[in-house]
Amino acid sequence: MNKKLDEDQIIKCPECGSTHFIIDYERGEMICQNCGFVIEDSFIDQGPEWRAFDSEQEERRARTGAPMTYLSHDKGLATEISWSNKDSYGKRIPHRNRAQIYRVRKWHQRIRVSNSAERNLSIALQELNAISSKMGIPKDIRETAAVIYRKAVEKNLIRGRSIESIVAASIYAACRQVNMPRTLDEVAKAAEISKKKIGRSYRHLTKELKLNLRPTLPTSYINQFCSRLNLDKTVQDEAEKIIRKAGEMGIISGKGPTGVAAAAIYIASTLKNQVRTQKEIAEVAGVTEVTIRNRYKEISKYLGIELENED
């Protein structure tokens, strides 16, 4: 079957100067469409040697594996032996061969982890995936967290610290690095360890790995908190507007970003008649009602906002 060559990949015909060519894959020739001059007579077909008539057949016949990932201790490059008792053609393995396949599979699992460093990575990355799944963290952030953990292993920063605390700190740092921060309370709850341990490990990682993490802005939490409180876009926009104005006046300087975000949402939800109580917002933001009350009073005072509904 003849196909036109993409114009970005071609040269001019030496006979007529045309830039329009046809590739004949059956003959392996590249031919000038204008004058018929054969420019290349041993053209290599870079495509697969098999044919597919639909996407399902193409996927089944493709022999390339999954892309490389940092979420596996061997980066996903090792061979996997399926636990289903079927061969590559989908046929069931005879009973007389199953014991042998079981032994091969068992030894394959053992030799995949050849030393203590790989064993540590294997355990840690399983923990990372488990915590991330609980928190609903997307794959790209998981990959970033896995890279941070691998760097910590390379620099021997995990000695004397629990795997869980370093993994949780890596996830917390990764979320901040991609500007999708999660609170320490969320990470601690998912990892089932104390905030103090995660905070200590996080400070250790940022110092030793020289992670360039900017201070978290209150606006980074608005979308997440509003979504969990079932507040619409108008409240979100109003809360961000309040934070920007407060920031310009220097009111929120030195204040915790989650507390400021929670107070802004409380003010915005009240102004837009989608009232949420301080208790509801405090539970979502991971701060106390007192913090919200103090912050919203400061902000409303300087911005001249009067709220009719107060808890």
C-alpha atoms as a PDB file:
ATOM      1  CA  MET A   1       0.000   0.000   0.000  1.00  0.00           C
ATOM      2  CA  ASN A   2       1.395   3.403  -0.998  1.00  0.00           C
ATOM      3  CA  LYS A   3       1.568   6.166   1.585  1.00  0.00           C
ATOM      4  CA  LYS A   4       2.663   9.783   1.343  1.00  0.00           C
ATOM      5  CA  LEU A   5       5.701  10.734   3.349  1.00  0.00           C
ATOM      6  CA  ASP A   6       5.282  13.593   5.786  1.00  0.00           C
ATOM      7  CA  GLU A   7       6.725  16.796   4.307  1.00  0.00           C
ATOM      8  CA  ASP A   8       8.670  17.616   7.481  1.00  0.00           C
ATOM      9  CA  GLN A   9      10.778  14.468   7.026  1.00  0.00           C
ATOM     10  CA  ILE A  10      11.707  14.758   3.333  1.00  0.00           C
ATOM     11  CA  ILE A  11      14.345  16.275   1.098  1.00  0.00           C
ATOM     12  CA  LYS A  12      14.064  17.747  -2.387  1.00  0.00           C
ATOM     13  CA  CYS A  13      14.053  15.541  -5.475  1.00  0.00           C
ATOM     14  CA  PRO A  14      17.500  15.805  -7.172  1.00  0.00           C
ATOM     15  CA  GLU A  15      15.858  15.757 -10.623  1.00  0.00           C
ATOM     16  CA  CYS A  16      12.959  18.222 -10.429  1.00  0.00           C
ATOM     17  CA  GLY A  17      13.272  19.752  -6.949  1.00  0.00           C
ATOM     18  CA  SER A  18       9.833  18.539  -5.884  1.00  0.00           C
ATOM     19  CA  THR A  19       9.134  17.952  -2.208  1.00  0.00           C
ATOM     20  CA  HIS A  20       6.264  15.500  -2.753  1.00  0.00           C
ATOM     21  CA  PHE A  21       7.138  11.829  -2.392  1.00  0.00           C
ATOM     22  CA  ILE A  22       5.458   8.437  -2.202  1.00  0.00           C
ATOM     23  CA  ILE A  23       6.777   5.491  -0.195  1.00  0.00           C
ATOM     24  CA  ASP A  24       6.121   2.035  -1.595  1.00  0.00           C
ATOM     25  CA  TYR A  25       6.573  -0.253   1.414  1.00  0.00           C
ATOM     26  CA  GLU A  26       6.179  -3.418  -0.676  1.00  0.00           C
ATOM     27  CA  ARG A  27       9.150  -2.519  -2.895  1.00  0.00           C
ATOM     28  CA  GLY A  28      11.003  -0.496  -0.240  1.00  0.00           C
ATOM     29  CA  GLU A  29      11.217   2.531  -2.543  1.00  0.00           C
ATOM     30  CA  MET A  30      10.795   6.272  -2.067  1.00  0.00           C
ATOM     31  CA  ILE A  31       9.603   7.826  -5.333  1.00  0.00           C
ATOM     32  CA  CYS A  32       9.172  11.427  -6.458  1.00  0.00           C
ATOM     33  CA  GLN A  33       5.477  12.016  -7.066  1.00  0.00           C
ATOM     34  CA  ASN A  34       6.176  14.673  -9.706  1.00  0.00           C
ATOM     35  CA  CYS A  35       8.726  13.036 -12.049  1.00  0.00           C
ATOM     36  CA  GLY A  36       8.814   9.399 -10.868  1.00  0.00           C
ATOM     37  CA  PHE A  37      12.513   9.434  -9.936  1.00  0.00           C
ATOM     38  CA  VAL A  38      13.406   6.679  -7.420  1.00  0.00           C
ATOM     39  CA  ILE A  39      15.232   8.487  -4.607  1.00  0.00           C
ATOM     40  CA  GLU A  40      15.700   5.491  -2.297  1.00  0.00           C
ATOM     41  CA  ASP A  41      15.464   1.838  -3.320  1.00  0.00           C
ATOM     42  CA  SER A  42      16.077   0.178   0.058  1.00  0.00           C
ATOM     43  CA  PHE A  43      13.700   2.097   2.287  1.00  0.00           C
ATOM     44  CA  ILE A  44      13.184   0.425   5.691  1.00  0.00           C
ATOM     45  CA  ASP A  45       9.658   0.008   7.012  1.00  0.00           C
ATOM     46  CA  GLN A  46       9.790   1.183  10.642  1.00  0.00           C
ATOM     47  CA  GLY A  47       6.355  -0.237  11.492  1.00  0.00           C
ATOM     48  CA  PRO A  48       5.474  -3.655  12.956  1.00  0.00           C
ATOM     49  CA  GLU A  49       5.696  -6.783  10.833  1.00  0.00           C
ATOM     50  CA  TRP A  50       2.130  -7.784  11.786  1.00  0.00           C
ATOM     51  CA  ARG A  51      -1.190  -6.328  10.670  1.00  0.00           C
ATOM     52  CA  ALA A  52      -4.149  -5.349  12.835  1.00  0.00           C
ATOM     53  CA  PHE A  53      -7.678  -4.542  11.699  1.00  0.00           C
ATOM     54  CA  ASP A  54      -8.978  -2.875  14.873  1.00  0.00           C
ATOM     55  CA  SER A  55      -7.618  -1.241  18.046  1.00  0.00           C
ATOM     56  CA  GLU A  56      -8.313  -4.302  20.199  1.00  0.00           C
ATOM     57  CA  GLN A  57      -6.335  -6.565  17.875  1.00  0.00           C
ATOM     58  CA  GLU A  58      -3.515  -4.007  17.698  1.00  0.00           C
ATOM     59  CA  GLU A  59      -3.280  -3.851  21.499  1.00  0.00           C
ATOM     60  CA  ARG A  60      -3.278  -7.650  21.771  1.00  0.00           C
ATOM     61  CA  ARG A  61      -0.526  -8.105  19.186  1.00  0.00           C
ATOM     62  CA  ALA A  62       1.739  -5.316  20.425  1.00  0.00           C
ATOM     63  CA  ARG A  63       4.811  -6.639  22.235  1.00  0.00           C
ATOM     64  CA  THR A  64       5.894  -3.461  23.985  1.00  0.00           C
ATOM     65  CA  GLY A  65       5.400  -3.390  27.742  1.00  0.00           C
ATOM     66  CA  ALA A  66       4.130  -0.765  30.128  1.00  0.00           C
ATOM     67  CA  PRO A  67       6.078   2.519  30.426  1.00  0.00           C
ATOM     68  CA  MET A  68       8.827   2.897  33.009  1.00  0.00           C
ATOM     69  CA  THR A  69       7.561   3.959  36.417  1.00  0.00           C
ATOM     70  CA  TYR A  70       9.261   5.017  39.651  1.00  0.00           C
ATOM     71  CA  LEU A  71       6.384   3.461  41.608  1.00  0.00           C
ATOM     72  CA  SER A  72       7.965   0.018  41.277  1.00  0.00           C
ATOM     73  CA  HIS A  73      11.305  -0.809  42.904  1.00  0.00           C
ATOM     74  CA  ASP A  74      12.626  -2.122  39.554  1.00  0.00           C
ATOM     75  CA  LYS A  75      10.998   0.796  37.645  1.00  0.00           C
ATOM     76  CA  GLY A  76       8.609  -1.648  35.983  1.00  0.00           C
ATOM     77  CA  LEU A  77      11.327  -3.126  33.760  1.00  0.00           C
ATOM     78  CA  ALA A  78      11.344  -6.639  35.234  1.00  0.00           C
ATOM     79  CA  THR A  79       9.378  -9.567  33.840  1.00  0.00           C
ATOM     80  CA  GLU A  80       6.117 -10.436  35.569  1.00  0.00           C
ATOM     81  CA  ILE A  81       4.753 -13.989  35.786  1.00  0.00           C
ATOM     82  CA  SER A  82       0.976 -13.885  35.964  1.00  0.00           C
ATOM     83  CA  TRP A  83      -0.779 -15.574  38.887  1.00  0.00           C
ATOM     84  CA  SER A  84      -3.561 -16.790  36.604  1.00  0.00           C
ATOM     85  CA  ASN A  85      -3.158 -20.407  35.527  1.00  0.00           C
ATOM     86  CA  LYS A  86      -3.220 -19.562  31.823  1.00  0.00           C
ATOM     87  CA  ASP A  87      -0.516 -19.404  29.175  1.00  0.00           C
ATOM     88  CA  SER A  88       0.181 -16.551  26.725  1.00  0.00           C
ATOM     89  CA  TYR A  89      -2.540 -17.846  24.390  1.00  0.00           C
ATOM     90  CA  GLY A  90      -5.177 -17.807  27.131  1.00  0.00           C
ATOM     91  CA  LYS A  91      -5.270 -21.602  27.453  1.00  0.00           C
ATOM     92  CA  ARG A  92      -5.431 -23.181  30.896  1.00  0.00           C
ATOM     93  CA  ILE A  93      -2.188 -24.730  32.157  1.00  0.00           C
ATOM     94  CA  PRO A  94      -2.529 -28.516  32.687  1.00  0.00           C
ATOM     95  CA  HIS A  95      -2.710 -29.678  36.313  1.00  0.00           C
ATOM     96  CA  ARG A  96       0.490 -31.707  35.962  1.00  0.00           C
ATOM     97  CA  ASN A  97       2.463 -28.492  35.206  1.00  0.00           C
ATOM     98  CA  ARG A  98       0.918 -26.173  37.794  1.00  0.00           C
ATOM     99  CA  ALA A  99       3.221 -27.194  40.660  1.00  0.00           C
ATOM    100  CA  GLN A 100       6.247 -26.439  38.495  1.00  0.00           C
ATOM    101  CA  ILE A 101       4.831 -23.046  37.438  1.00  0.00           C
ATOM    102  CA  TYR A 102       4.084 -22.252  41.092  1.00  0.00           C
ATOM    103  CA  ARG A 103       7.722 -22.926  42.081  1.00  0.00           C
ATOM    104  CA  VAL A 104       9.029 -20.828  39.174  1.00  0.00           C
ATOM    105  CA  ARG A 105       6.696 -17.987  40.129  1.00  0.00           C
ATOM    106  CA  LYS A 106       7.734 -18.148  43.797  1.00  0.00           C
ATOM    107  CA  TRP A 107      11.464 -18.064  43.021  1.00  0.00           C
ATOM    108  CA  HIS A 108      10.925 -15.311  40.496  1.00  0.00           C
ATOM    109  CA  GLN A 109       9.334 -13.171  43.213  1.00  0.00           C
ATOM    110  CA  ARG A 110      12.267 -13.868  45.532  1.00  0.00           C
ATOM    111  CA  ILE A 111      15.064 -13.018  43.094  1.00  0.00           C
ATOM    112  CA  ARG A 112      13.386  -9.756  42.009  1.00  0.00           C
ATOM    113  CA  VAL A 113      14.487  -8.291  45.356  1.00  0.00           C
ATOM    114  CA  SER A 114      18.197  -9.039  45.515  1.00  0.00           C
ATOM    115  CA  ASN A 115      19.439  -6.798  48.357  1.00  0.00           C
ATOM    116  CA  SER A 116      18.293  -4.771  51.367  1.00  0.00           C
ATOM    117  CA  ALA A 117      18.013  -1.498  49.400  1.00  0.00           C
ATOM    118  CA  GLU A 118      15.652  -3.063  46.860  1.00  0.00           C
ATOM    119  CA  ARG A 119      13.689  -4.712  49.664  1.00  0.00           C
ATOM    120  CA  ASN A 120      13.325  -1.336  51.364  1.00  0.00           C
ATOM    121  CA  LEU A 121      12.152   0.271  48.110  1.00  0.00           C
ATOM    122  CA  SER A 122       9.683  -2.534  47.465  1.00  0.00           C
ATOM    123  CA  ILE A 123       8.069  -2.144  50.900  1.00  0.00           C
ATOM    124  CA  ALA A 124       8.156   1.670  50.833  1.00  0.00           C
ATOM    125  CA  LEU A 125       6.618   2.032  47.370  1.00  0.00           C
ATOM    126  CA  GLN A 126       3.795  -0.336  48.289  1.00  0.00           C
ATOM    127  CA  GLU A 127       3.157   1.858  51.338  1.00  0.00           C
ATOM    128  CA  LEU A 128       3.330   4.985  49.158  1.00  0.00           C
ATOM    129  CA  ASN A 129       0.684   3.598  46.801  1.00  0.00           C
ATOM    130  CA  ALA A 130      -1.544   2.577  49.709  1.00  0.00           C
ATOM    131  CA  ILE A 131      -1.417   6.026  51.364  1.00  0.00           C
ATOM    132  CA  SER A 132      -1.880   7.818  48.031  1.00  0.00           C
ATOM    133  CA  SER A 133      -4.929   5.687  47.216  1.00  0.00           C
ATOM    134  CA  LYS A 134      -6.544   6.627  50.523  1.00  0.00           C
ATOM    135  CA  MET A 135      -5.945  10.311  49.785  1.00  0.00           C
ATOM    136  CA  GLY A 136      -6.992  10.125  46.125  1.00  0.00           C
ATOM    137  CA  ILE A 137      -3.635  11.429  44.891  1.00  0.00           C
ATOM    138  CA  PRO A 138      -3.123  11.211  41.087  1.00  0.00           C
ATOM    139  CA  LYS A 139      -0.335   9.158  39.514  1.00  0.00           C
ATOM    140  CA  ASP A 140       1.903  12.079  38.499  1.00  0.00           C
ATOM    141  CA  ILE A 141       2.172  13.238  42.130  1.00  0.00           C
ATOM    142  CA  ARG A 142       2.829   9.648  43.239  1.00  0.00           C
ATOM    143  CA  GLU A 143       5.695   9.481  40.743  1.00  0.00           C
ATOM    144  CA  THR A 144       7.134  12.724  42.174  1.00  0.00           C
ATOM    145  CA  ALA A 145       6.857  11.343  45.717  1.00  0.00           C
ATOM    146  CA  ALA A 146       8.585   8.113  44.614  1.00  0.00           C
ATOM    147  CA  VAL A 147      11.477  10.111  43.123  1.00  0.00           C
ATOM    148  CA  ILE A 148      11.872  12.048  46.395  1.00  0.00           C
ATOM    149  CA  TYR A 149      11.917   8.792  48.385  1.00  0.00           C
ATOM    150  CA  ARG A 150      14.491   7.242  46.026  1.00  0.00           C
ATOM    151  CA  LYS A 151      16.758  10.265  46.505  1.00  0.00           C
ATOM    152  CA  ALA A 152      16.405   9.866  50.274  1.00  0.00           C
ATOM    153  CA  VAL A 153      17.458   6.203  49.976  1.00  0.00           C
ATOM    154  CA  GLU A 154      20.456   7.107  47.792  1.00  0.00           C
ATOM    155  CA  LYS A 155      21.643   9.660  50.384  1.00  0.00           C
ATOM    156  CA  ASN A 156      20.986   7.240  53.256  1.00  0.00           C
ATOM    157  CA  LEU A 157      18.515   9.641  54.897  1.00  0.00           C
ATOM    158  CA  ILE A 158      16.162   6.913  56.090  1.00  0.00           C
ATOM    159  CA  ARG A 159      18.574   5.419  58.616  1.00  0.00           C
ATOM    160  CA  GLY A 160      17.079   5.627  62.101  1.00  0.00           C
ATOM    161  CA  ARG A 161      13.655   6.676  60.793  1.00  0.00           C
ATOM    162  CA  SER A 162      10.560   4.638  60.016  1.00  0.00           C
ATOM    163  CA  ILE A 163       9.677   3.891  56.399  1.00  0.00           C
ATOM    164  CA  GLU A 164       6.125   5.158  56.987  1.00  0.00           C
ATOM    165  CA  SER A 165       7.245   8.613  58.177  1.00  0.00           C
ATOM    166  CA  ILE A 166       9.641   9.134  55.237  1.00  0.00           C
ATOM    167  CA  VAL A 167       7.012   7.931  52.746  1.00  0.00           C
ATOM    168  CA  ALA A 168       4.383  10.247  54.242  1.00  0.00           C
ATOM    169  CA  ALA A 169       6.846  13.158  54.221  1.00  0.00           C
ATOM    170  CA  SER A 170       7.673  12.420  50.559  1.00  0.00           C
ATOM    171  CA  ILE A 171       3.980  12.537  49.640  1.00  0.00           C
ATOM    172  CA  TYR A 172       3.495  15.789  51.563  1.00  0.00           C
ATOM    173  CA  ALA A 173       6.543  17.334  49.837  1.00  0.00           C
ATOM    174  CA  ALA A 174       5.430  16.117  46.386  1.00  0.00           C
ATOM    175  CA  CYS A 175       1.986  17.686  46.831  1.00  0.00           C
ATOM    176  CA  ARG A 176       3.580  21.000  47.752  1.00  0.00           C
ATOM    177  CA  GLN A 177       6.072  20.749  44.896  1.00  0.00           C
ATOM    178  CA  VAL A 178       3.320  20.535  42.254  1.00  0.00           C
ATOM    179  CA  ASN A 179       1.246  23.220  44.004  1.00  0.00           C
ATOM    180  CA  MET A 180      -1.530  20.831  45.069  1.00  0.00           C
ATOM    181  CA  PRO A 181      -0.897  20.904  48.829  1.00  0.00           C
ATOM    182  CA  ARG A 182      -2.556  18.589  51.323  1.00  0.00           C
ATOM    183  CA  THR A 183      -2.691  19.299  55.029  1.00  0.00           C
ATOM    184  CA  LEU A 184      -0.514  17.406  57.480  1.00  0.00           C
ATOM    185  CA  ASP A 185      -3.706  16.179  59.150  1.00  0.00           C
ATOM    186  CA  GLU A 186      -4.814  14.481  55.918  1.00  0.00           C
ATOM    187  CA  VAL A 187      -1.450  12.809  55.385  1.00  0.00           C
ATOM    188  CA  ALA A 188      -1.189  11.747  59.034  1.00  0.00           C
ATOM    189  CA  LYS A 189      -4.692  10.260  58.983  1.00  0.00           C
ATOM    190  CA  ALA A 190      -4.024   8.290  55.778  1.00  0.00           C
ATOM    191  CA  ALA A 191      -0.589   7.099  56.966  1.00  0.00           C
ATOM    192  CA  GLU A 192      -1.873   6.395  60.499  1.00  0.00           C
ATOM    193  CA  ILE A 193       1.121   8.070  62.157  1.00  0.00           C
ATOM    194  CA  SER A 194       1.486  11.308  64.103  1.00  0.00           C
ATOM    195  CA  LYS A 195       1.868  14.734  62.500  1.00  0.00           C
ATOM    196  CA  LYS A 196       4.958  15.282  64.638  1.00  0.00           C
ATOM    197  CA  LYS A 197       6.815  12.362  63.016  1.00  0.00           C
ATOM    198  CA  ILE A 198       5.828  13.426  59.499  1.00  0.00           C
ATOM    199  CA  GLY A 199       6.819  17.038  60.169  1.00  0.00           C
ATOM    200  CA  ARG A 200      10.205  15.987  61.544  1.00  0.00           C
ATOM    201  CA  SER A 201      10.888  13.738  58.532  1.00  0.00           C
ATOM    202  CA  TYR A 202       9.659  16.424  56.121  1.00  0.00           C
ATOM    203  CA  ARG A 203      12.050  19.034  57.538  1.00  0.00           C
ATOM    204  CA  HIS A 204      14.875  16.483  57.355  1.00  0.00           C
ATOM    205  CA  LEU A 205      14.152  15.750  53.671  1.00  0.00           C
ATOM    206  CA  THR A 206      13.822  19.385  52.610  1.00  0.00           C
ATOM    207  CA  LYS A 207      17.095  20.274  54.323  1.00  0.00           C
ATOM    208  CA  GLU A 208      19.197  17.342  53.084  1.00  0.00           C
ATOM    209  CA  LEU A 209      17.728  17.103  49.567  1.00  0.00           C
ATOM    210  CA  LYS A 210      17.588  20.903  49.200  1.00  0.00           C
ATOM    211  CA  LEU A 211      13.991  20.792  48.001  1.00  0.00           C
ATOM    212  CA  ASN A 212      13.039  24.226  46.735  1.00  0.00           C
ATOM    213  CA  LEU A 213       9.509  24.456  48.113  1.00  0.00           C
ATOM    214  CA  ARG A 214       7.803  27.820  48.233  1.00  0.00           C
ATOM    215  CA  PRO A 215       5.500  28.728  51.129  1.00  0.00           C
ATOM    216  CA  THR A 216       1.993  27.390  50.568  1.00  0.00           C
ATOM    217  CA  LEU A 217      -0.554  30.061  49.654  1.00  0.00           C
ATOM    218  CA  PRO A 218      -4.058  30.039  51.194  1.00  0.00           C
ATOM    219  CA  THR A 219      -5.578  30.114  47.689  1.00  0.00           C
ATOM    220  CA  SER A 220      -4.067  26.666  47.017  1.00  0.00           C
ATOM    221  CA  TYR A 221      -6.541  25.135  49.487  1.00  0.00           C
ATOM    222  CA  ILE A 222      -9.683  26.963  48.344  1.00  0.00           C
ATOM    223  CA  ASN A 223     -10.664  24.614  45.512  1.00  0.00           C
ATOM    224  CA  GLN A 224     -10.130  21.494  47.628  1.00  0.00           C
ATOM    225  CA  PHE A 225     -12.028  22.788  50.682  1.00  0.00           C
ATOM    226  CA  CYS A 226     -14.934  24.178  48.623  1.00  0.00           C
ATOM    227  CA  SER A 227     -15.284  20.882  46.787  1.00  0.00           C
ATOM    228  CA  ARG A 228     -15.498  18.930  50.037  1.00  0.00           C
ATOM    229  CA  LEU A 229     -18.036  21.428  51.413  1.00  0.00           C
ATOM    230  CA  ASN A 230     -20.163  21.234  48.218  1.00  0.00           C
ATOM    231  CA  LEU A 231     -19.807  24.958  47.543  1.00  0.00           C
ATOM    232  CA  ASP A 232     -20.084  26.259  43.991  1.00  0.00           C
ATOM    233  CA  LYS A 233     -17.693  28.347  41.875  1.00  0.00           C
ATOM    234  CA  THR A 234     -19.122  31.688  43.022  1.00  0.00           C
ATOM    235  CA  VAL A 235     -18.078  30.987  46.623  1.00  0.00           C
ATOM    236  CA  GLN A 236     -14.655  29.810  45.485  1.00  0.00           C
ATOM    237  CA  ASP A 237     -14.082  32.971  43.414  1.00  0.00           C
ATOM    238  CA  GLU A 238     -15.270  35.190  46.269  1.00  0.00           C
ATOM    239  CA  ALA A 239     -12.972  33.441  48.773  1.00  0.00           C
ATOM    240  CA  GLU A 240      -9.961  33.862  46.464  1.00  0.00           C
ATOM    241  CA  LYS A 241     -10.871  37.535  45.981  1.00  0.00           C
ATOM    242  CA  ILE A 242     -11.010  38.045  49.769  1.00  0.00           C
ATOM    243  CA  ILE A 243      -7.599  36.380  50.226  1.00  0.00           C
ATOM    244  CA  ARG A 244      -6.025  38.527  47.494  1.00  0.00           C
ATOM    245  CA  LYS A 245      -7.341  41.725  49.080  1.00  0.00           C
ATOM    246  CA  ALA A 246      -6.220  40.628  52.548  1.00  0.00           C
ATOM    247  CA  GLY A 247      -2.790  39.749  51.160  1.00  0.00           C
ATOM    248  CA  GLU A 248      -2.405  43.171  49.550  1.00  0.00           C
ATOM    249  CA  MET A 249      -3.166  44.790  52.910  1.00  0.00           C
ATOM    250  CA  GLY A 250      -0.707  42.506  54.742  1.00  0.00           C
ATOM    251  CA  ILE A 251      -3.374  41.118  57.074  1.00  0.00           C
ATOM    252  CA  ILE A 252      -2.570  37.433  56.532  1.00  0.00           C
ATOM    253  CA  SER A 253       1.213  37.702  56.647  1.00  0.00           C
ATOM    254  CA  GLY A 254       2.634  35.066  59.003  1.00  0.00           C
ATOM    255  CA  LYS A 255      -0.728  33.335  59.458  1.00  0.00           C
ATOM    256  CA  GLY A 256      -1.315  29.638  58.736  1.00  0.00           C
ATOM    257  CA  PRO A 257      -2.591  29.171  55.151  1.00  0.00           C
ATOM    258  CA  THR A 258      -5.260  26.614  56.078  1.00  0.00           C
ATOM    259  CA  GLY A 259      -6.726  28.882  58.761  1.00  0.00           C
ATOM    260  CA  VAL A 260      -6.817  31.852  56.372  1.00  0.00           C
ATOM    261  CA  ALA A 261      -8.410  29.737  53.621  1.00  0.00           C
ATOM    262  CA  ALA A 262     -11.036  28.419  56.054  1.00  0.00           C
ATOM    263  CA  ALA A 263     -11.898  31.943  57.261  1.00  0.00           C
ATOM    264  CA  ALA A 264     -12.169  33.245  53.680  1.00  0.00           C
ATOM    265  CA  ILE A 265     -14.516  30.375  52.766  1.00  0.00           C
ATOM    266  CA  TYR A 266     -16.654  31.084  55.848  1.00  0.00           C
ATOM    267  CA  ILE A 267     -16.985  34.756  54.861  1.00  0.00           C
ATOM    268  CA  ALA A 268     -17.606  33.972  51.169  1.00  0.00           C
ATOM    269  CA  SER A 269     -20.212  31.265  51.858  1.00  0.00           C
ATOM    270  CA  THR A 270     -22.102  33.649  54.149  1.00  0.00           C
ATOM    271  CA  LEU A 271     -21.997  36.487  51.604  1.00  0.00           C
ATOM    272  CA  LYS A 272     -23.238  34.171  48.822  1.00  0.00           C
ATOM    273  CA  ASN A 273     -26.048  32.703  50.972  1.00  0.00           C
ATOM    274  CA  GLN A 274     -24.520  29.222  50.971  1.00  0.00           C
ATOM    275  CA  VAL A 275     -23.782  29.265  54.675  1.00  0.00           C
ATOM    276  CA  ARG A 276     -21.528  26.637  56.206  1.00  0.00           C
ATOM    277  CA  THR A 277     -20.921  26.622  59.947  1.00  0.00           C
ATOM    278  CA  GLN A 278     -17.493  27.198  61.442  1.00  0.00           C
ATOM    279  CA  LYS A 279     -17.600  23.625  62.748  1.00  0.00           C
ATOM    280  CA  GLU A 280     -18.177  22.162  59.256  1.00  0.00           C
ATOM    281  CA  ILE A 281     -15.368  24.213  57.736  1.00  0.00           C
ATOM    282  CA  ALA A 282     -13.016  23.465  60.646  1.00  0.00           C
ATOM    283  CA  GLU A 283     -13.459  19.699  60.164  1.00  0.00           C
ATOM    284  CA  VAL A 284     -12.621  19.952  56.456  1.00  0.00           C
ATOM    285  CA  ALA A 285      -9.681  22.356  56.878  1.00  0.00           C
ATOM    286  CA  GLY A 286      -8.172  20.569  59.873  1.00  0.00           C
ATOM    287  CA  VAL A 287      -8.139  23.691  62.072  1.00  0.00           C
ATOM    288  CA  THR A 288     -10.058  24.716  65.178  1.00  0.00           C
ATOM    289  CA  GLU A 289     -13.212  26.832  65.229  1.00  0.00           C
ATOM    290  CA  VAL A 290     -11.326  29.380  67.341  1.00  0.00           C
ATOM    291  CA  THR A 291      -8.749  29.804  64.550  1.00  0.00           C
ATOM    292  CA  ILE A 292     -11.486  30.417  61.972  1.00  0.00           C
ATOM    293  CA  ARG A 293     -13.244  32.870  64.285  1.00  0.00           C
ATOM    294  CA  ASN A 294     -10.070  34.858  64.940  1.00  0.00           C
ATOM    295  CA  ARG A 295      -9.047  34.966  61.266  1.00  0.00           C
ATOM    296  CA  TYR A 296     -12.439  35.919  59.875  1.00  0.00           C
ATOM    297  CA  LYS A 297     -12.832  38.715  62.447  1.00  0.00           C
ATOM    298  CA  GLU A 298      -9.429  40.145  61.482  1.00  0.00           C
ATOM    299  CA  ILE A 299     -10.143  39.923  57.750  1.00  0.00           C
ATOM    300  CA  SER A 300     -13.715  41.260  57.921  1.00  0.00           C
ATOM    301  CA  LYS A 301     -12.610  44.155  60.137  1.00  0.00           C
ATOM    302  CA  TYR A 302      -9.878  45.383  57.770  1.00  0.00           C
ATOM    303  CA  LEU A 303     -11.889  44.743  54.588  1.00  0.00           C
ATOM    304  CA  GLY A 304     -15.042  46.341  56.002  1.00  0.00           C
ATOM    305  CA  ILE A 305     -17.184  43.211  55.632  1.00  0.00           C
ATOM    306  CA  GLU A 306     -20.217  42.796  57.887  1.00  0.00           C
ATOM    307  CA  LEU A 307     -21.683  39.328  58.383  1.00  0.00           C
ATOM    308  CA  GLU A 308     -25.249  38.890  59.569  1.00  0.00           C
ATOM    309  CA  ASN A 309     -24.973  35.165  60.331  1.00  0.00           C
ATOM    310  CA  GLU A 310     -22.402  34.285  62.963  1.00  0.00           C
ATOM    311  CA  ASP A 311     -21.966  30.988  64.808  1.00  0.00           C
END
